[in-house]
Amino acid sequence: MNTDDMLAGLLAQAMGESGDLVTLRAIVEEASELGAARTLERIGLDDETAHQDLSELRELLQAWRDAKASAQAAAIGWIVRALLALLLLGLAVRLGATGLLR
């Protein structure tokens, strides 16, 4: 008996007994397990390597986040350095140090 047949049998039993709580709970559990199994099958995670695939995806996502944070930190560092260089250049012009270049 597969899960579809079991679910249909539980539904028929619930209809005949006016739905006692235990039967309804069993129906909900079977339906949720069946739905989860179908969803995993549709997205291709119903095989033995699914756990490993998810672990690799998590590692890849963490590496992406680390790279993104590193790139942002580097960009901010370059922006700060450029602003400081402009500030020094402005101070040099303001203090008349441009005459030293000639």
PDB file of N, CA and C in Angstrom:
ATOM      1  N   MET A   1       0.855  -1.182   0.000  1.00  0.00           N
ATOM      2  CA  MET A   1       0.000   0.000   0.000  1.00  0.00           C
ATOM      3  C   MET A   1       0.892   1.233   0.000  1.00  0.00           C
ATOM      4  N   ASN A   2       0.716   2.100  -1.000  1.00  0.00           N
ATOM      5  CA  ASN A   2       1.529   3.311  -1.044  1.00  0.00           C
ATOM      6  C   ASN A   2       0.862   4.426  -0.233  1.00  0.00           C
ATOM      7  N   THR A   3       1.528   5.550  -0.149  1.00  0.00           N
ATOM      8  CA  THR A   3       1.020   6.637   0.696  1.00  0.00           C
ATOM      9  C   THR A   3      -0.266   7.238   0.161  1.00  0.00           C
ATOM     10  N   ASP A   4      -0.420   7.264  -1.152  1.00  0.00           N
ATOM     11  CA  ASP A   4      -1.673   7.791  -1.716  1.00  0.00           C
ATOM     12  C   ASP A   4      -2.865   6.928  -1.294  1.00  0.00           C
ATOM     13  N   ASP A   5      -2.685   5.599  -1.381  1.00  0.00           N
ATOM     14  CA  ASP A   5      -3.756   4.689  -0.975  1.00  0.00           C
ATOM     15  C   ASP A   5      -4.033   4.796   0.519  1.00  0.00           C
ATOM     16  N   MET A   6      -2.961   4.950   1.302  1.00  0.00           N
ATOM     17  CA  MET A   6      -3.139   5.061   2.747  1.00  0.00           C
ATOM     18  C   MET A   6      -3.904   6.332   3.096  1.00  0.00           C
ATOM     19  N   LEU A   7      -3.567   7.422   2.430  1.00  0.00           N
ATOM     20  CA  LEU A   7      -4.258   8.687   2.676  1.00  0.00           C
ATOM     21  C   LEU A   7      -5.724   8.599   2.278  1.00  0.00           C
ATOM     22  N   ALA A   8      -5.993   7.986   1.149  1.00  0.00           N
ATOM     23  CA  ALA A   8      -7.378   7.813   0.709  1.00  0.00           C
ATOM     24  C   ALA A   8      -8.148   6.932   1.692  1.00  0.00           C
ATOM     25  N   GLY A   9      -7.511   5.875   2.193  1.00  0.00           N
ATOM     26  CA  GLY A   9      -8.162   4.998   3.174  1.00  0.00           C
ATOM     27  C   GLY A   9      -8.458   5.723   4.475  1.00  0.00           C
ATOM     28  N   LEU A  10      -7.518   6.541   4.932  1.00  0.00           N
ATOM     29  CA  LEU A  10      -7.747   7.307   6.162  1.00  0.00           C
ATOM     30  C   LEU A  10      -8.865   8.329   5.985  1.00  0.00           C
ATOM     31  N   LEU A  11      -8.914   8.948   4.827  1.00  0.00           N
ATOM     32  CA  LEU A  11     -10.008   9.897   4.561  1.00  0.00           C
ATOM     33  C   LEU A  11     -11.355   9.193   4.548  1.00  0.00           C
ATOM     34  N   ALA A  12     -11.415   8.025   3.920  1.00  0.00           N
ATOM     35  CA  ALA A  12     -12.664   7.271   3.895  1.00  0.00           C
ATOM     36  C   ALA A  12     -13.069   6.849   5.304  1.00  0.00           C
ATOM     37  N   GLN A  13     -12.097   6.460   6.104  1.00  0.00           N
ATOM     38  CA  GLN A  13     -12.372   6.066   7.490  1.00  0.00           C
ATOM     39  C   GLN A  13     -12.876   7.260   8.296  1.00  0.00           C
ATOM     40  N   ALA A  14     -12.279   8.421   8.084  1.00  0.00           N
ATOM     41  CA  ALA A  14     -12.694   9.617   8.816  1.00  0.00           C
ATOM     42  C   ALA A  14     -14.112  10.020   8.435  1.00  0.00           C
ATOM     43  N   MET A  15     -14.452   9.874   7.166  1.00  0.00           N
ATOM     44  CA  MET A  15     -15.795  10.212   6.724  1.00  0.00           C
ATOM     45  C   MET A  15     -16.820   9.264   7.330  1.00  0.00           C
ATOM     46  N   GLY A  16     -16.460   8.008   7.438  1.00  0.00           N
ATOM     47  CA  GLY A  16     -17.382   7.014   7.976  1.00  0.00           C
ATOM     48  C   GLY A  16     -17.571   7.126   9.473  1.00  0.00           C
ATOM     49  N   GLU A  17     -16.544   7.582  10.200  1.00  0.00           N
ATOM     50  CA  GLU A  17     -16.618   7.652  11.663  1.00  0.00           C
ATOM     51  C   GLU A  17     -16.904   9.059  12.162  1.00  0.00           C
ATOM     52  N   SER A  18     -17.278   9.916  11.279  1.00  0.00           N
ATOM     53  CA  SER A  18     -17.526  11.331  11.579  1.00  0.00           C
ATOM     54  C   SER A  18     -16.275  11.997  12.140  1.00  0.00           C
ATOM     55  N   GLY A  19     -15.112  11.504  11.743  1.00  0.00           N
ATOM     56  CA  GLY A  19     -13.842  12.179  11.983  1.00  0.00           C
ATOM     57  C   GLY A  19     -13.399  12.284  13.422  1.00  0.00           C
ATOM     58  N   ASP A  20     -13.015  11.187  14.056  1.00  0.00           N
ATOM     59  CA  ASP A  20     -12.465  11.308  15.402  1.00  0.00           C
ATOM     60  C   ASP A  20     -11.073  11.934  15.327  1.00  0.00           C
ATOM     61  N   LEU A  21     -10.588  12.428  16.433  1.00  0.00           N
ATOM     62  CA  LEU A  21      -9.357  13.217  16.487  1.00  0.00           C
ATOM     63  C   LEU A  21      -8.133  12.413  16.057  1.00  0.00           C
ATOM     64  N   VAL A  22      -8.043  11.164  16.461  1.00  0.00           N
ATOM     65  CA  VAL A  22      -6.880  10.339  16.115  1.00  0.00           C
ATOM     66  C   VAL A  22      -6.807  10.116  14.610  1.00  0.00           C
ATOM     67  N   THR A  23      -7.951   9.830  14.001  1.00  0.00           N
ATOM     68  CA  THR A  23      -7.978   9.604  12.560  1.00  0.00           C
ATOM     69  C   THR A  23      -7.629  10.878  11.811  1.00  0.00           C
ATOM     70  N   LEU A  24      -8.180  11.996  12.242  1.00  0.00           N
ATOM     71  CA  LEU A  24      -7.872  13.259  11.582  1.00  0.00           C
ATOM     72  C   LEU A  24      -6.398  13.621  11.720  1.00  0.00           C
ATOM     73  N   ARG A  25      -5.828  13.343  12.882  1.00  0.00           N
ATOM     74  CA  ARG A  25      -4.401  13.613  13.087  1.00  0.00           C
ATOM     75  C   ARG A  25      -3.558  12.740  12.154  1.00  0.00           C
ATOM     76  N   ALA A  26      -3.927  11.480  12.006  1.00  0.00           N
ATOM     77  CA  ALA A  26      -3.213  10.579  11.104  1.00  0.00           C
ATOM     78  C   ALA A  26      -3.314  11.070   9.668  1.00  0.00           C
ATOM     79  N   ILE A  27      -4.470  11.587   9.290  1.00  0.00           N
ATOM     80  CA  ILE A  27      -4.656  12.120   7.935  1.00  0.00           C
ATOM     81  C   ILE A  27      -3.733  13.307   7.704  1.00  0.00           C
ATOM     82  N   VAL A  28      -3.697  14.188   8.661  1.00  0.00           N
ATOM     83  CA  VAL A  28      -2.853  15.378   8.522  1.00  0.00           C
ATOM     84  C   VAL A  28      -1.379  14.984   8.437  1.00  0.00           C
ATOM     85  N   GLU A  29      -0.953  14.048   9.277  1.00  0.00           N
ATOM     86  CA  GLU A  29       0.446  13.606   9.258  1.00  0.00           C
ATOM     87  C   GLU A  29       0.800  12.951   7.926  1.00  0.00           C
ATOM     88  N   GLU A  30      -0.050  12.083   7.449  1.00  0.00           N
ATOM     89  CA  GLU A  30       0.221  11.414   6.170  1.00  0.00           C
ATOM     90  C   GLU A  30       0.225  12.411   5.028  1.00  0.00           C
ATOM     91  N   ALA A  31      -0.715  13.349   5.046  1.00  0.00           N
ATOM     92  CA  ALA A  31      -0.775  14.340   3.974  1.00  0.00           C
ATOM     93  C   ALA A  31       0.464  15.235   3.985  1.00  0.00           C
ATOM     94  N   SER A  32       0.915  15.610   5.158  1.00  0.00           N
ATOM     95  CA  SER A  32       2.092  16.469   5.224  1.00  0.00           C
ATOM     96  C   SER A  32       3.348  15.723   4.795  1.00  0.00           C
ATOM     97  N   GLU A  33       3.478  14.460   5.177  1.00  0.00           N
ATOM     98  CA  GLU A  33       4.627  13.665   4.739  1.00  0.00           C
ATOM     99  C   GLU A  33       4.599  13.467   3.230  1.00  0.00           C
ATOM    100  N   LEU A  34       3.429  13.215   2.689  1.00  0.00           N
ATOM    101  CA  LEU A  34       3.291  13.035   1.242  1.00  0.00           C
ATOM    102  C   LEU A  34       3.642  14.330   0.507  1.00  0.00           C
ATOM    103  N   GLY A  35       3.176  15.442   1.018  1.00  0.00           N
ATOM    104  CA  GLY A  35       3.483  16.740   0.401  1.00  0.00           C
ATOM    105  C   GLY A  35       4.966  17.066   0.465  1.00  0.00           C
ATOM    106  N   ALA A  36       5.580  16.784   1.602  1.00  0.00           N
ATOM    107  CA  ALA A  36       7.022  17.031   1.732  1.00  0.00           C
ATOM    108  C   ALA A  36       7.812  16.146   0.782  1.00  0.00           C
ATOM    109  N   ALA A  37       7.422  14.888   0.669  1.00  0.00           N
ATOM    110  CA  ALA A  37       8.122  13.970  -0.235  1.00  0.00           C
ATOM    111  C   ALA A  37       7.981  14.422  -1.683  1.00  0.00           C
ATOM    112  N   ARG A  38       6.799  14.858  -2.071  1.00  0.00           N
ATOM    113  CA  ARG A  38       6.589  15.334  -3.443  1.00  0.00           C
ATOM    114  C   ARG A  38       7.408  16.589  -3.721  1.00  0.00           C
ATOM    115  N   THR A  39       7.459  17.493  -2.746  1.00  0.00           N
ATOM    116  CA  THR A  39       8.229  18.721  -2.917  1.00  0.00           C
ATOM    117  C   THR A  39       9.713  18.414  -3.073  1.00  0.00           C
ATOM    118  N   LEU A  40      10.244  17.541  -2.222  1.00  0.00           N
ATOM    119  CA  LEU A  40      11.653  17.171  -2.337  1.00  0.00           C
ATOM    120  C   LEU A  40      11.945  16.503  -3.674  1.00  0.00           C
ATOM    121  N   GLU A  41      11.003  15.697  -4.149  1.00  0.00           N
ATOM    122  CA  GLU A  41      11.175  15.035  -5.437  1.00  0.00           C
ATOM    123  C   GLU A  41      11.183  16.051  -6.573  1.00  0.00           C
ATOM    124  N   ARG A  42      10.308  17.046  -6.500  1.00  0.00           N
ATOM    125  CA  ARG A  42      10.214  18.044  -7.561  1.00  0.00           C
ATOM    126  C   ARG A  42      11.464  18.909  -7.658  1.00  0.00           C
ATOM    127  N   ILE A  43      12.100  19.190  -6.528  1.00  0.00           N
ATOM    128  CA  ILE A  43      13.302  20.027  -6.570  1.00  0.00           C
ATOM    129  C   ILE A  43      14.580  19.204  -6.654  1.00  0.00           C
ATOM    130  N   GLY A  44      14.439  17.888  -6.766  1.00  0.00           N
ATOM    131  CA  GLY A  44      15.591  17.027  -6.982  1.00  0.00           C
ATOM    132  C   GLY A  44      16.369  16.674  -5.738  1.00  0.00           C
ATOM    133  N   LEU A  45      15.749  16.726  -4.589  1.00  0.00           N
ATOM    134  CA  LEU A  45      16.435  16.405  -3.333  1.00  0.00           C
ATOM    135  C   LEU A  45      15.870  15.149  -2.684  1.00  0.00           C
ATOM    136  N   ASP A  46      15.528  14.171  -3.510  1.00  0.00           N
ATOM    137  CA  ASP A  46      14.940  12.952  -2.968  1.00  0.00           C
ATOM    138  C   ASP A  46      15.890  11.759  -3.023  1.00  0.00           C
ATOM    139  N   ASP A  47      17.178  12.030  -3.295  1.00  0.00           N
ATOM    140  CA  ASP A  47      18.130  10.920  -3.381  1.00  0.00           C
ATOM    141  C   ASP A  47      19.046  10.881  -2.157  1.00  0.00           C
ATOM    142  N   GLU A  48      19.993   9.952  -2.164  1.00  0.00           N
ATOM    143  CA  GLU A  48      20.872   9.755  -1.005  1.00  0.00           C
ATOM    144  C   GLU A  48      21.875  10.898  -0.844  1.00  0.00           C
ATOM    145  N   THR A  49      22.185  11.598  -1.927  1.00  0.00           N
ATOM    146  CA  THR A  49      23.183  12.669  -1.859  1.00  0.00           C
ATOM    147  C   THR A  49      22.581  14.033  -1.542  1.00  0.00           C
ATOM    148  N   ALA A  50      21.315  14.085  -1.226  1.00  0.00           N
ATOM    149  CA  ALA A  50      20.646  15.365  -0.975  1.00  0.00           C
ATOM    150  C   ALA A  50      21.274  16.091   0.214  1.00  0.00           C
ATOM    151  N   HIS A  51      21.612  15.354   1.260  1.00  0.00           N
ATOM    152  CA  HIS A  51      22.219  15.985   2.440  1.00  0.00           C
ATOM    153  C   HIS A  51      23.554  16.629   2.071  1.00  0.00           C
ATOM    154  N   GLN A  52      24.349  15.914   1.298  1.00  0.00           N
ATOM    155  CA  GLN A  52      25.644  16.438   0.866  1.00  0.00           C
ATOM    156  C   GLN A  52      25.450  17.652  -0.051  1.00  0.00           C
ATOM    157  N   ASP A  53      24.456  17.587  -0.921  1.00  0.00           N
ATOM    158  CA  ASP A  53      24.173  18.710  -1.815  1.00  0.00           C
ATOM    159  C   ASP A  53      23.816  19.964  -1.021  1.00  0.00           C
ATOM    160  N   LEU A  54      22.977  19.802  -0.010  1.00  0.00           N
ATOM    161  CA  LEU A  54      22.592  20.950   0.809  1.00  0.00           C
ATOM    162  C   LEU A  54      23.781  21.501   1.591  1.00  0.00           C
ATOM    163  N   SER A  55      24.638  20.617   2.080  1.00  0.00           N
ATOM    164  CA  SER A  55      25.841  21.072   2.788  1.00  0.00           C
ATOM    165  C   SER A  55      26.743  21.882   1.863  1.00  0.00           C
ATOM    166  N   GLU A  56      26.909  21.402   0.632  1.00  0.00           N
ATOM    167  CA  GLU A  56      27.726  22.131  -0.332  1.00  0.00           C
ATOM    168  C   GLU A  56      27.112  23.478  -0.686  1.00  0.00           C
ATOM    169  N   LEU A  57      25.789  23.514  -0.805  1.00  0.00           N
ATOM    170  CA  LEU A  57      25.121  24.790  -1.089  1.00  0.00           C
ATOM    171  C   LEU A  57      25.293  25.775   0.062  1.00  0.00           C
ATOM    172  N   ARG A  58      25.225  25.279   1.280  1.00  0.00           N
ATOM    173  CA  ARG A  58      25.439  26.157   2.446  1.00  0.00           C
ATOM    174  C   ARG A  58      26.862  26.699   2.462  1.00  0.00           C
ATOM    175  N   GLU A  59      27.849  25.839   2.152  1.00  0.00           N
ATOM    176  CA  GLU A  59      29.237  26.284   2.100  1.00  0.00           C
ATOM    177  C   GLU A  59      29.428  27.334   1.008  1.00  0.00           C
ATOM    178  N   LEU A  60      28.819  27.107  -0.143  1.00  0.00           N
ATOM    179  CA  LEU A  60      28.917  28.053  -1.245  1.00  0.00           C
ATOM    180  C   LEU A  60      28.285  29.390  -0.880  1.00  0.00           C
ATOM    181  N   LEU A  61      27.146  29.343  -0.232  1.00  0.00           N
ATOM    182  CA  LEU A  61      26.481  30.571   0.197  1.00  0.00           C
ATOM    183  C   LEU A  61      27.325  31.318   1.223  1.00  0.00           C
ATOM    184  N   GLN A  62      27.937  30.599   2.155  1.00  0.00           N
ATOM    185  CA  GLN A  62      28.791  31.245   3.150  1.00  0.00           C
ATOM    186  C   GLN A  62      30.022  31.865   2.490  1.00  0.00           C
ATOM    187  N   ALA A  63      30.598  31.174   1.509  1.00  0.00           N
ATOM    188  CA  ALA A  63      31.749  31.721   0.789  1.00  0.00           C
ATOM    189  C   ALA A  63      31.353  32.993   0.033  1.00  0.00           C
ATOM    190  N   TRP A  64      30.165  32.991  -0.566  1.00  0.00           N
ATOM    191  CA  TRP A  64      29.670  34.184  -1.257  1.00  0.00           C
ATOM    192  C   TRP A  64      29.504  35.337  -0.274  1.00  0.00           C
ATOM    193  N   ARG A  65      28.938  35.066   0.880  1.00  0.00           N
ATOM    194  CA  ARG A  65      28.756  36.126   1.885  1.00  0.00           C
ATOM    195  C   ARG A  65      30.093  36.667   2.361  1.00  0.00           C
ATOM    196  N   ASP A  66      31.064  35.776   2.581  1.00  0.00           N
ATOM    197  CA  ASP A  66      32.394  36.209   3.010  1.00  0.00           C
ATOM    198  C   ASP A  66      33.057  37.072   1.937  1.00  0.00           C
ATOM    199  N   ALA A  67      32.953  36.639   0.670  1.00  0.00           N
ATOM    200  CA  ALA A  67      33.548  37.394  -0.429  1.00  0.00           C
ATOM    201  C   ALA A  67      32.891  38.769  -0.564  1.00  0.00           C
ATOM    202  N   LYS A  68      31.572  38.798  -0.403  1.00  0.00           N
ATOM    203  CA  LYS A  68      30.852  40.066  -0.510  1.00  0.00           C
ATOM    204  C   LYS A  68      31.269  41.027   0.605  1.00  0.00           C
ATOM    205  N   ALA A  69      31.399  40.504   1.824  1.00  0.00           N
ATOM    206  CA  ALA A  69      31.810  41.343   2.949  1.00  0.00           C
ATOM    207  C   ALA A  69      33.241  41.840   2.745  1.00  0.00           C
ATOM    208  N   SER A  70      34.112  40.993   2.231  1.00  0.00           N
ATOM    209  CA  SER A  70      35.498  41.381   1.973  1.00  0.00           C
ATOM    210  C   SER A  70      35.570  42.454   0.893  1.00  0.00           C
ATOM    211  N   ALA A  71      34.785  42.296  -0.157  1.00  0.00           N
ATOM    212  CA  ALA A  71      34.764  43.290  -1.235  1.00  0.00           C
ATOM    213  C   ALA A  71      34.232  44.632  -0.735  1.00  0.00           C
ATOM    214  N   GLN A  72      33.210  44.583   0.100  1.00  0.00           N
ATOM    215  CA  GLN A  72      32.677  45.829   0.655  1.00  0.00           C
ATOM    216  C   GLN A  72      33.700  46.515   1.537  1.00  0.00           C
ATOM    217  N   ALA A  73      34.404  45.740   2.364  1.00  0.00           N
ATOM    218  CA  ALA A  73      35.424  46.315   3.237  1.00  0.00           C
ATOM    219  C   ALA A  73      36.556  46.929   2.409  1.00  0.00           C
ATOM    220  N   ALA A  74      36.962  46.254   1.346  1.00  0.00           N
ATOM    221  CA  ALA A  74      38.019  46.777   0.477  1.00  0.00           C
ATOM    222  C   ALA A  74      37.571  48.063  -0.208  1.00  0.00           C
ATOM    223  N   ALA A  75      36.331  48.088  -0.705  1.00  0.00           N
ATOM    224  CA  ALA A  75      35.814  49.283  -1.377  1.00  0.00           C
ATOM    225  C   ALA A  75      35.746  50.460  -0.406  1.00  0.00           C
ATOM    226  N   ILE A  76      35.298  50.215   0.792  1.00  0.00           N
ATOM    227  CA  ILE A  76      35.236  51.289   1.790  1.00  0.00           C
ATOM    228  C   ILE A  76      36.638  51.785   2.117  1.00  0.00           C
ATOM    229  N   GLY A  77      37.588  50.853   2.225  1.00  0.00           N
ATOM    230  CA  GLY A  77      38.979  51.245   2.490  1.00  0.00           C
ATOM    231  C   GLY A  77      39.534  52.132   1.391  1.00  0.00           C
ATOM    232  N   TRP A  78      39.282  51.780   0.124  1.00  0.00           N
ATOM    233  CA  TRP A  78      39.765  52.598  -0.983  1.00  0.00           C
ATOM    234  C   TRP A  78      39.096  53.967  -1.008  1.00  0.00           C
ATOM    235  N   ILE A  79      37.831  54.013  -0.694  1.00  0.00           N
ATOM    236  CA  ILE A  79      37.118  55.300  -0.663  1.00  0.00           C
ATOM    237  C   ILE A  79      37.688  56.195   0.424  1.00  0.00           C
ATOM    238  N   VAL A  80      37.942  55.632   1.591  1.00  0.00           N
ATOM    239  CA  VAL A  80      38.517  56.409   2.695  1.00  0.00           C
ATOM    240  C   VAL A  80      39.907  56.921   2.315  1.00  0.00           C
ATOM    241  N   ARG A  81      40.727  56.052   1.703  1.00  0.00           N
ATOM    242  CA  ARG A  81      42.072  56.480   1.283  1.00  0.00           C
ATOM    243  C   ARG A  81      41.998  57.610   0.254  1.00  0.00           C
ATOM    244  N   ALA A  82      41.074  57.498  -0.692  1.00  0.00           N
ATOM    245  CA  ALA A  82      40.925  58.541  -1.715  1.00  0.00           C
ATOM    246  C   ALA A  82      40.487  59.854  -1.079  1.00  0.00           C
ATOM    247  N   LEU A  83      39.574  59.790  -0.133  1.00  0.00           N
ATOM    248  CA  LEU A  83      39.124  61.014   0.538  1.00  0.00           C
ATOM    249  C   LEU A  83      40.251  61.646   1.349  1.00  0.00           C
ATOM    250  N   LEU A  84      41.041  60.816   2.006  1.00  0.00           N
ATOM    251  CA  LEU A  84      42.185  61.344   2.770  1.00  0.00           C
ATOM    252  C   LEU A  84      43.227  61.966   1.833  1.00  0.00           C
ATOM    253  N   ALA A  85      43.456  61.349   0.674  1.00  0.00           N
ATOM    254  CA  ALA A  85      44.394  61.914  -0.299  1.00  0.00           C
ATOM    255  C   ALA A  85      43.877  63.254  -0.808  1.00  0.00           C
ATOM    256  N   LEU A  86      42.590  63.341  -1.080  1.00  0.00           N
ATOM    257  CA  LEU A  86      42.014  64.620  -1.510  1.00  0.00           C
ATOM    258  C   LEU A  86      42.115  65.673  -0.410  1.00  0.00           C
ATOM    259  N   LEU A  87      41.924  65.268   0.819  1.00  0.00           N
ATOM    260  CA  LEU A  87      42.051  66.192   1.943  1.00  0.00           C
ATOM    261  C   LEU A  87      43.479  66.716   2.051  1.00  0.00           C
ATOM    262  N   LEU A  88      44.471  65.827   1.925  1.00  0.00           N
ATOM    263  CA  LEU A  88      45.863  66.251   1.961  1.00  0.00           C
ATOM    264  C   LEU A  88      46.201  67.167   0.794  1.00  0.00           C
ATOM    265  N   LEU A  89      45.690  66.851  -0.376  1.00  0.00           N
ATOM    266  CA  LEU A  89      45.908  67.690  -1.543  1.00  0.00           C
ATOM    267  C   LEU A  89      45.289  69.068  -1.335  1.00  0.00           C
ATOM    268  N   GLY A  90      44.084  69.094  -0.784  1.00  0.00           N
ATOM    269  CA  GLY A  90      43.429  70.368  -0.494  1.00  0.00           C
ATOM    270  C   GLY A  90      44.206  71.179   0.526  1.00  0.00           C
ATOM    271  N   LEU A  91      44.731  70.521   1.550  1.00  0.00           N
ATOM    272  CA  LEU A  91      45.550  71.228   2.540  1.00  0.00           C
ATOM    273  C   LEU A  91      46.824  71.769   1.916  1.00  0.00           C
ATOM    274  N   ALA A  92      47.429  71.002   1.031  1.00  0.00           N
ATOM    275  CA  ALA A  92      48.655  71.454   0.367  1.00  0.00           C
ATOM    276  C   ALA A  92      48.384  72.684  -0.481  1.00  0.00           C
ATOM    277  N   VAL A  93      47.284  72.678  -1.214  1.00  0.00           N
ATOM    278  CA  VAL A  93      46.925  73.834  -2.033  1.00  0.00           C
ATOM    279  C   VAL A  93      46.610  75.024  -1.144  1.00  0.00           C
ATOM    280  N   ARG A  94      45.906  74.788  -0.084  1.00  0.00           N
ATOM    281  CA  ARG A  94      45.490  75.862   0.840  1.00  0.00           C
ATOM    282  C   ARG A  94      46.695  76.499   1.534  1.00  0.00           C
ATOM    283  N   LEU A  95      47.692  75.688   1.864  1.00  0.00           N
ATOM    284  CA  LEU A  95      48.864  76.209   2.567  1.00  0.00           C
ATOM    285  C   LEU A  95      49.937  76.735   1.614  1.00  0.00           C
ATOM    286  N   GLY A  96      49.680  76.615   0.330  1.00  0.00           N
ATOM    287  CA  GLY A  96      50.603  77.145  -0.669  1.00  0.00           C
ATOM    288  C   GLY A  96      51.790  76.246  -0.935  1.00  0.00           C
ATOM    289  N   ALA A  97      51.669  74.994  -0.680  1.00  0.00           N
ATOM    290  CA  ALA A  97      52.767  74.064  -0.895  1.00  0.00           C
ATOM    291  C   ALA A  97      52.904  73.686  -2.364  1.00  0.00           C
ATOM    292  N   THR A  98      52.044  74.185  -3.228  1.00  0.00           N
ATOM    293  CA  THR A  98      52.143  73.871  -4.657  1.00  0.00           C
ATOM    294  C   THR A  98      53.361  74.519  -5.276  1.00  0.00           C
ATOM    295  N   GLY A  99      53.912  75.542  -4.656  1.00  0.00           N
ATOM    296  CA  GLY A  99      55.116  76.187  -5.175  1.00  0.00           C
ATOM    297  C   GLY A  99      56.314  75.272  -5.084  1.00  0.00           C
ATOM    298  N   LEU A 100      56.275  74.291  -4.220  1.00  0.00           N
ATOM    299  CA  LEU A 100      57.402  73.359  -4.085  1.00  0.00           C
ATOM    300  C   LEU A 100      57.504  72.416  -5.270  1.00  0.00           C
ATOM    301  N   LEU A 101      56.456  72.284  -6.018  1.00  0.00           N
ATOM    302  CA  LEU A 101      56.446  71.366  -7.156  1.00  0.00           C
ATOM    303  C   LEU A 101      57.141  71.951  -8.378  1.00  0.00           C
ATOM    304  N   ARG A 102      57.330  73.262  -8.387  1.00  0.00           N
ATOM    305  CA  ARG A 102      57.914  73.925  -9.573  1.00  0.00           C
ATOM    306  C   ARG A 102      59.383  73.936  -9.551  1.00  0.00           C
TER     307      ARG A 102
END
